[in-house]
Amino acid sequence: MKLNEMGPIITPDELKQIHRVVESQLAKATWLMVCGSLPPGVDPHFYRDIVRLAQSRGVKTLVDADGDALQYAMEAKPTVITPNQAETERLLHIAMLTRGQFLEAARRMKAMGPEAVVLSLGGRGAIGVTESEAIEVLPPRVDALCPIGAGDALSAAFVWAMEKKKSFADALRWGVATGTASATLPGLAFASFQDARAMYKRVEVRPIQLG
């Protein structure tokens, strides 16, 4: 059973306060991660506006969202989006089963505005697409005890690696490694750096020929 509880209602004044807090932190930031579903009543354009605010300050952006919030956020051309399979299927109104369908979906999303797309596929790893390359990142087979939060771990590790000036492919390798390592732990535990580094050595990166 999967239970996703709705968030609390956010008042207009609270939303303005959130906006001010984000804006106040951008001066010392290099990346802004905009993740999760929007609480009830929040305008679906909110993430798009936050992304544009960050861009105006020269801050790179990662968006991990669903539905209208994701679709509108892409209008702002974020640095990268990291939807999972279900979120992608809802966005594009398709069903995906094959590697070719995953790649085509990632390329379609790339054409919708973001600079790069990371399609997170759980135990199947991820597909990454930029303007100049497409890659498939494959984790080893593991016993997943609790995949909750694995996608968040992937996004966080990806941004960390990009901040360390890693290549897109290597950053995604770190992301998949960290998400996979987190999924092997019980409950809501997060992988340590040592866990992620050990898994990183077992993750495979395969270039995909762009045609």
C-alpha atoms as a PDB file:
ATOM      1  CA  MET A   1       0.000   0.000   0.000  1.00  0.00           C
ATOM      2  CA  LYS A   2       1.176   3.507  -0.840  1.00  0.00           C
ATOM      3  CA  LEU A   3      -0.258   6.453   1.072  1.00  0.00           C
ATOM      4  CA  ASN A   4       0.478  10.015  -0.022  1.00  0.00           C
ATOM      5  CA  GLU A   5      -1.160  12.510   2.298  1.00  0.00           C
ATOM      6  CA  MET A   6      -2.092  15.988   1.061  1.00  0.00           C
ATOM      7  CA  GLY A   7      -0.107  18.864   2.486  1.00  0.00           C
ATOM      8  CA  PRO A   8      -1.595  21.660   4.596  1.00  0.00           C
ATOM      9  CA  ILE A   9      -3.381  24.610   3.063  1.00  0.00           C
ATOM     10  CA  ILE A  10      -0.968  27.522   2.553  1.00  0.00           C
ATOM     11  CA  THR A  11      -2.412  31.003   2.923  1.00  0.00           C
ATOM     12  CA  PRO A  12      -1.504  33.799   0.477  1.00  0.00           C
ATOM     13  CA  ASP A  13       0.479  35.552   3.215  1.00  0.00           C
ATOM     14  CA  GLU A  14       2.435  32.363   3.960  1.00  0.00           C
ATOM     15  CA  LEU A  15       3.148  31.916   0.267  1.00  0.00           C
ATOM     16  CA  LYS A  16       4.512  35.456   0.041  1.00  0.00           C
ATOM     17  CA  GLN A  17       6.712  34.726   3.047  1.00  0.00           C
ATOM     18  CA  ILE A  18       8.072  31.580   1.371  1.00  0.00           C
ATOM     19  CA  HIS A  19       8.809  33.634  -1.738  1.00  0.00           C
ATOM     20  CA  ARG A  20      10.687  36.224   0.325  1.00  0.00           C
ATOM     21  CA  VAL A  21      12.719  33.567   2.153  1.00  0.00           C
ATOM     22  CA  VAL A  22      13.730  31.904  -1.116  1.00  0.00           C
ATOM     23  CA  GLU A  23      14.679  35.249  -2.627  1.00  0.00           C
ATOM     24  CA  SER A  24      16.772  36.162   0.410  1.00  0.00           C
ATOM     25  CA  GLN A  25      18.804  32.946   0.109  1.00  0.00           C
ATOM     26  CA  LEU A  26      19.541  33.145  -3.613  1.00  0.00           C
ATOM     27  CA  ALA A  27      22.429  35.595  -3.226  1.00  0.00           C
ATOM     28  CA  LYS A  28      24.553  32.851  -1.641  1.00  0.00           C
ATOM     29  CA  ALA A  29      23.218  29.916  -3.682  1.00  0.00           C
ATOM     30  CA  THR A  30      24.434  28.266  -6.861  1.00  0.00           C
ATOM     31  CA  TRP A  31      21.555  25.756  -7.172  1.00  0.00           C
ATOM     32  CA  LEU A  32      17.897  25.823  -6.171  1.00  0.00           C
ATOM     33  CA  MET A  33      16.045  22.511  -5.927  1.00  0.00           C
ATOM     34  CA  VAL A  34      12.268  22.806  -6.295  1.00  0.00           C
ATOM     35  CA  CYS A  35      10.828  19.463  -5.255  1.00  0.00           C
ATOM     36  CA  GLY A  36       7.555  17.843  -4.305  1.00  0.00           C
ATOM     37  CA  SER A  37       3.878  18.457  -4.877  1.00  0.00           C
ATOM     38  CA  LEU A  38       2.293  21.833  -4.294  1.00  0.00           C
ATOM     39  CA  PRO A  39       0.004  22.154  -1.249  1.00  0.00           C
ATOM     40  CA  PRO A  40      -3.729  22.587  -1.878  1.00  0.00           C
ATOM     41  CA  GLY A  41      -4.689  26.004  -3.185  1.00  0.00           C
ATOM     42  CA  VAL A  42      -1.222  27.039  -4.359  1.00  0.00           C
ATOM     43  CA  ASP A  43      -1.173  28.412  -7.899  1.00  0.00           C
ATOM     44  CA  PRO A  44       0.330  25.758 -10.241  1.00  0.00           C
ATOM     45  CA  HIS A  45       2.531  28.512 -11.711  1.00  0.00           C
ATOM     46  CA  PHE A  46       4.338  28.965  -8.379  1.00  0.00           C
ATOM     47  CA  TYR A  47       7.298  26.719  -9.236  1.00  0.00           C
ATOM     48  CA  ARG A  48       7.656  28.413 -12.627  1.00  0.00           C
ATOM     49  CA  ASP A  49       7.850  31.800 -10.931  1.00  0.00           C
ATOM     50  CA  ILE A  50      10.390  30.539  -8.383  1.00  0.00           C
ATOM     51  CA  VAL A  51      12.552  29.104 -11.170  1.00  0.00           C
ATOM     52  CA  ARG A  52      12.466  32.420 -13.014  1.00  0.00           C
ATOM     53  CA  LEU A  53      13.390  34.236  -9.819  1.00  0.00           C
ATOM     54  CA  ALA A  54      16.408  31.968  -9.348  1.00  0.00           C
ATOM     55  CA  GLN A  55      17.468  32.402 -12.964  1.00  0.00           C
ATOM     56  CA  SER A  56      17.353  36.173 -12.587  1.00  0.00           C
ATOM     57  CA  ARG A  57      19.967  35.759  -9.841  1.00  0.00           C
ATOM     58  CA  GLY A  58      22.153  33.417 -11.905  1.00  0.00           C
ATOM     59  CA  VAL A  59      21.186  30.342  -9.878  1.00  0.00           C
ATOM     60  CA  LYS A  60      20.808  26.946 -11.574  1.00  0.00           C
ATOM     61  CA  THR A  61      17.559  25.064 -10.931  1.00  0.00           C
ATOM     62  CA  LEU A  62      16.380  21.483 -10.535  1.00  0.00           C
ATOM     63  CA  VAL A  63      12.653  20.729 -10.638  1.00  0.00           C
ATOM     64  CA  ASP A  64      11.226  17.462  -9.318  1.00  0.00           C
ATOM     65  CA  ALA A  65       7.449  17.876  -9.486  1.00  0.00           C
ATOM     66  CA  ASP A  66       4.273  16.438 -10.976  1.00  0.00           C
ATOM     67  CA  GLY A  67       1.255  17.486 -12.993  1.00  0.00           C
ATOM     68  CA  ASP A  68       0.586  21.128 -13.783  1.00  0.00           C
ATOM     69  CA  ALA A  69       3.383  22.299 -11.468  1.00  0.00           C
ATOM     70  CA  LEU A  70       5.927  20.408 -13.577  1.00  0.00           C
ATOM     71  CA  GLN A  71       4.414  21.431 -16.893  1.00  0.00           C
ATOM     72  CA  TYR A  72       4.361  25.129 -16.042  1.00  0.00           C
ATOM     73  CA  ALA A  73       7.822  24.987 -14.457  1.00  0.00           C
ATOM     74  CA  MET A  74       9.247  23.777 -17.759  1.00  0.00           C
ATOM     75  CA  GLU A  75       8.105  27.023 -19.386  1.00  0.00           C
ATOM     76  CA  ALA A  76      10.838  28.737 -17.365  1.00  0.00           C
ATOM     77  CA  LYS A  77      13.479  26.430 -18.901  1.00  0.00           C
ATOM     78  CA  PRO A  78      15.004  25.069 -15.663  1.00  0.00           C
ATOM     79  CA  THR A  79      18.495  23.632 -15.712  1.00  0.00           C
ATOM     80  CA  VAL A  80      17.229  20.093 -15.203  1.00  0.00           C
ATOM     81  CA  ILE A  81      14.029  18.220 -14.387  1.00  0.00           C
ATOM     82  CA  THR A  82      13.986  14.807 -12.683  1.00  0.00           C
ATOM     83  CA  PRO A  83      10.535  13.221 -13.090  1.00  0.00           C
ATOM     84  CA  ASN A  84       9.972   9.545 -12.405  1.00  0.00           C
ATOM     85  CA  GLN A  85       8.156   7.167 -14.739  1.00  0.00           C
ATOM     86  CA  ALA A  86       4.656   7.779 -13.349  1.00  0.00           C
ATOM     87  CA  GLU A  87       5.090  11.567 -13.437  1.00  0.00           C
ATOM     88  CA  THR A  88       6.351  11.374 -17.009  1.00  0.00           C
ATOM     89  CA  GLU A  89       3.448   9.210 -18.119  1.00  0.00           C
ATOM     90  CA  ARG A  90       0.959  11.670 -16.622  1.00  0.00           C
ATOM     91  CA  LEU A  91       2.718  14.644 -18.189  1.00  0.00           C
ATOM     92  CA  LEU A  92       2.889  13.168 -21.687  1.00  0.00           C
ATOM     93  CA  HIS A  93      -0.328  11.100 -21.478  1.00  0.00           C
ATOM     94  CA  ILE A  94       1.476   7.912 -22.466  1.00  0.00           C
ATOM     95  CA  ALA A  95       2.421   4.514 -21.095  1.00  0.00           C
ATOM     96  CA  MET A  96       6.067   3.404 -21.188  1.00  0.00           C
ATOM     97  CA  LEU A  97       7.472  -0.092 -21.090  1.00  0.00           C
ATOM     98  CA  THR A  98      10.607  -0.190 -23.222  1.00  0.00           C
ATOM     99  CA  ARG A  99      13.991   1.488 -23.257  1.00  0.00           C
ATOM    100  CA  GLY A 100      13.117   3.146 -26.556  1.00  0.00           C
ATOM    101  CA  GLN A 101       9.934   4.601 -25.078  1.00  0.00           C
ATOM    102  CA  PHE A 102      11.866   5.940 -22.083  1.00  0.00           C
ATOM    103  CA  LEU A 103      14.361   7.653 -24.367  1.00  0.00           C
ATOM    104  CA  GLU A 104      11.676   9.121 -26.602  1.00  0.00           C
ATOM    105  CA  ALA A 105       9.808  10.451 -23.556  1.00  0.00           C
ATOM    106  CA  ALA A 106      12.959  12.078 -22.194  1.00  0.00           C
ATOM    107  CA  ARG A 107      13.625  13.710 -25.544  1.00  0.00           C
ATOM    108  CA  ARG A 108      10.041  14.976 -25.750  1.00  0.00           C
ATOM    109  CA  MET A 109      10.362  16.553 -22.314  1.00  0.00           C
ATOM    110  CA  LYS A 110      13.691  18.094 -23.281  1.00  0.00           C
ATOM    111  CA  ALA A 111      11.922  19.760 -26.221  1.00  0.00           C
ATOM    112  CA  MET A 112       9.432  21.313 -23.767  1.00  0.00           C
ATOM    113  CA  GLY A 113      12.003  23.677 -22.290  1.00  0.00           C
ATOM    114  CA  PRO A 114      14.483  22.324 -19.726  1.00  0.00           C
ATOM    115  CA  GLU A 115      18.184  22.314 -20.508  1.00  0.00           C
ATOM    116  CA  ALA A 116      18.439  18.672 -19.418  1.00  0.00           C
ATOM    117  CA  VAL A 117      16.136  15.818 -18.431  1.00  0.00           C
ATOM    118  CA  VAL A 118      16.759  13.015 -15.969  1.00  0.00           C
ATOM    119  CA  LEU A 119      14.057  10.373 -16.241  1.00  0.00           C
ATOM    120  CA  SER A 120      14.245   8.412 -12.987  1.00  0.00           C
ATOM    121  CA  LEU A 121      13.287   4.753 -13.418  1.00  0.00           C
ATOM    122  CA  GLY A 122      13.740   3.281  -9.959  1.00  0.00           C
ATOM    123  CA  GLY A 123      15.471  -0.082 -10.095  1.00  0.00           C
ATOM    124  CA  ARG A 124      16.068   0.388 -13.834  1.00  0.00           C
ATOM    125  CA  GLY A 125      18.259   3.419 -13.201  1.00  0.00           C
ATOM    126  CA  ALA A 126      17.775   6.578 -15.238  1.00  0.00           C
ATOM    127  CA  ILE A 127      17.821   8.044 -18.720  1.00  0.00           C
ATOM    128  CA  GLY A 128      19.587  11.390 -19.083  1.00  0.00           C
ATOM    129  CA  VAL A 129      19.227  13.730 -22.050  1.00  0.00           C
ATOM    130  CA  THR A 130      20.939  17.058 -22.752  1.00  0.00           C
ATOM    131  CA  GLU A 131      21.312  19.101 -25.922  1.00  0.00           C
ATOM    132  CA  SER A 132      24.383  17.102 -26.955  1.00  0.00           C
ATOM    133  CA  GLU A 133      24.110  13.663 -25.360  1.00  0.00           C
ATOM    134  CA  ALA A 134      21.845  10.902 -24.154  1.00  0.00           C
ATOM    135  CA  ILE A 135      22.898   8.314 -21.586  1.00  0.00           C
ATOM    136  CA  GLU A 136      21.496   5.330 -19.775  1.00  0.00           C
ATOM    137  CA  VAL A 137      22.670   4.814 -16.205  1.00  0.00           C
ATOM    138  CA  LEU A 138      22.182   1.298 -14.846  1.00  0.00           C
ATOM    139  CA  PRO A 139      22.432   0.295 -11.182  1.00  0.00           C
ATOM    140  CA  PRO A 140      23.293  -3.199 -10.004  1.00  0.00           C
ATOM    141  CA  ARG A 141      20.498  -5.485  -8.890  1.00  0.00           C
ATOM    142  CA  VAL A 142      19.839  -4.966  -5.204  1.00  0.00           C
ATOM    143  CA  ASP A 143      17.252  -5.862  -2.608  1.00  0.00           C
ATOM    144  CA  ALA A 144      15.220  -2.671  -2.213  1.00  0.00           C
ATOM    145  CA  LEU A 145      13.970  -2.477   1.373  1.00  0.00           C
ATOM    146  CA  CYS A 146      12.413   0.985   1.164  1.00  0.00           C
ATOM    147  CA  PRO A 147      12.479   3.010  -2.072  1.00  0.00           C
ATOM    148  CA  ILE A 148      10.789   6.017  -0.426  1.00  0.00           C
ATOM    149  CA  GLY A 149      13.064   9.010  -0.823  1.00  0.00           C
ATOM    150  CA  ALA A 150      15.324   7.326  -3.382  1.00  0.00           C
ATOM    151  CA  GLY A 151      14.312   9.826  -6.053  1.00  0.00           C
ATOM    152  CA  ASP A 152      15.077  12.719  -3.711  1.00  0.00           C
ATOM    153  CA  ALA A 153      18.464  11.159  -2.966  1.00  0.00           C
ATOM    154  CA  LEU A 154      19.150  10.888  -6.698  1.00  0.00           C
ATOM    155  CA  SER A 155      18.327  14.570  -7.245  1.00  0.00           C
ATOM    156  CA  ALA A 156      20.386  15.744  -4.278  1.00  0.00           C
ATOM    157  CA  ALA A 157      23.440  13.699  -5.256  1.00  0.00           C
ATOM    158  CA  PHE A 158      23.150  14.837  -8.870  1.00  0.00           C
ATOM    159  CA  VAL A 159      23.211  18.495  -7.810  1.00  0.00           C
ATOM    160  CA  TRP A 160      26.082  17.837  -5.402  1.00  0.00           C
ATOM    161  CA  ALA A 161      28.129  16.257  -8.197  1.00  0.00           C
ATOM    162  CA  MET A 162      27.324  19.039 -10.654  1.00  0.00           C
ATOM    163  CA  GLU A 163      28.429  21.557  -8.029  1.00  0.00           C
ATOM    164  CA  LYS A 164      31.696  19.589  -7.813  1.00  0.00           C
ATOM    165  CA  LYS A 165      32.131  20.228 -11.562  1.00  0.00           C
ATOM    166  CA  LYS A 166      31.476  16.628 -12.543  1.00  0.00           C
ATOM    167  CA  SER A 167      30.224  15.920 -16.056  1.00  0.00           C
ATOM    168  CA  PHE A 168      26.493  15.412 -16.615  1.00  0.00           C
ATOM    169  CA  ALA A 169      27.037  11.670 -17.065  1.00  0.00           C
ATOM    170  CA  ASP A 170      29.145  11.340 -13.927  1.00  0.00           C
ATOM    171  CA  ALA A 171      26.709  13.449 -11.898  1.00  0.00           C
ATOM    172  CA  LEU A 172      23.868  11.171 -12.954  1.00  0.00           C
ATOM    173  CA  ARG A 173      25.984   8.152 -12.060  1.00  0.00           C
ATOM    174  CA  TRP A 174      26.384   9.583  -8.548  1.00  0.00           C
ATOM    175  CA  GLY A 175      22.664  10.263  -8.436  1.00  0.00           C
ATOM    176  CA  VAL A 176      21.666   6.738  -9.381  1.00  0.00           C
ATOM    177  CA  ALA A 177      24.254   5.308  -6.982  1.00  0.00           C
ATOM    178  CA  THR A 178      22.929   7.351  -4.067  1.00  0.00           C
ATOM    179  CA  GLY A 179      19.283   6.624  -4.855  1.00  0.00           C
ATOM    180  CA  THR A 180      20.024   2.910  -5.147  1.00  0.00           C
ATOM    181  CA  ALA A 181      22.024   2.844  -1.931  1.00  0.00           C
ATOM    182  CA  SER A 182      19.198   4.624  -0.096  1.00  0.00           C
ATOM    183  CA  ALA A 183      16.643   2.119  -1.393  1.00  0.00           C
ATOM    184  CA  THR A 184      18.594  -0.748   0.188  1.00  0.00           C
ATOM    185  CA  LEU A 185      18.196   0.728   3.677  1.00  0.00           C
ATOM    186  CA  PRO A 186      15.190   0.156   5.964  1.00  0.00           C
ATOM    187  CA  GLY A 187      12.626   2.833   6.724  1.00  0.00           C
ATOM    188  CA  LEU A 188      13.479   6.403   5.834  1.00  0.00           C
ATOM    189  CA  ALA A 189      17.230   6.091   6.346  1.00  0.00           C
ATOM    190  CA  PHE A 190      19.482   7.882   3.863  1.00  0.00           C
ATOM    191  CA  ALA A 191      22.662   6.468   2.412  1.00  0.00           C
ATOM    192  CA  SER A 192      25.950   7.757   3.756  1.00  0.00           C
ATOM    193  CA  PHE A 193      28.661   9.059   1.449  1.00  0.00           C
ATOM    194  CA  GLN A 194      30.504   5.768   1.972  1.00  0.00           C
ATOM    195  CA  ASP A 195      27.370   3.828   0.954  1.00  0.00           C
ATOM    196  CA  ALA A 196      26.962   5.965  -2.153  1.00  0.00           C
ATOM    197  CA  ARG A 197      30.619   5.707  -3.126  1.00  0.00           C
ATOM    198  CA  ALA A 198      30.556   1.909  -2.833  1.00  0.00           C
ATOM    199  CA  MET A 199      27.433   1.759  -5.016  1.00  0.00           C
ATOM    200  CA  TYR A 200      28.917   4.260  -7.484  1.00  0.00           C
ATOM    201  CA  LYS A 201      31.599   1.725  -8.389  1.00  0.00           C
ATOM    202  CA  ARG A 202      28.877  -0.738  -9.411  1.00  0.00           C
ATOM    203  CA  VAL A 203      26.809   1.664 -11.530  1.00  0.00           C
ATOM    204  CA  GLU A 204      27.216   1.504 -15.299  1.00  0.00           C
ATOM    205  CA  VAL A 205      26.923   4.418 -17.732  1.00  0.00           C
ATOM    206  CA  ARG A 206      26.038   3.686 -21.344  1.00  0.00           C
ATOM    207  CA  PRO A 207      25.987   6.372 -24.051  1.00  0.00           C
ATOM    208  CA  ILE A 208      22.924   6.314 -26.310  1.00  0.00           C
ATOM    209  CA  GLN A 209      23.409   7.172 -29.942  1.00  0.00           C
ATOM    210  CA  LEU A 210      21.398  10.232 -30.875  1.00  0.00           C
ATOM    211  CA  GLY A 211      19.678   9.790 -34.195  1.00  0.00           C
END
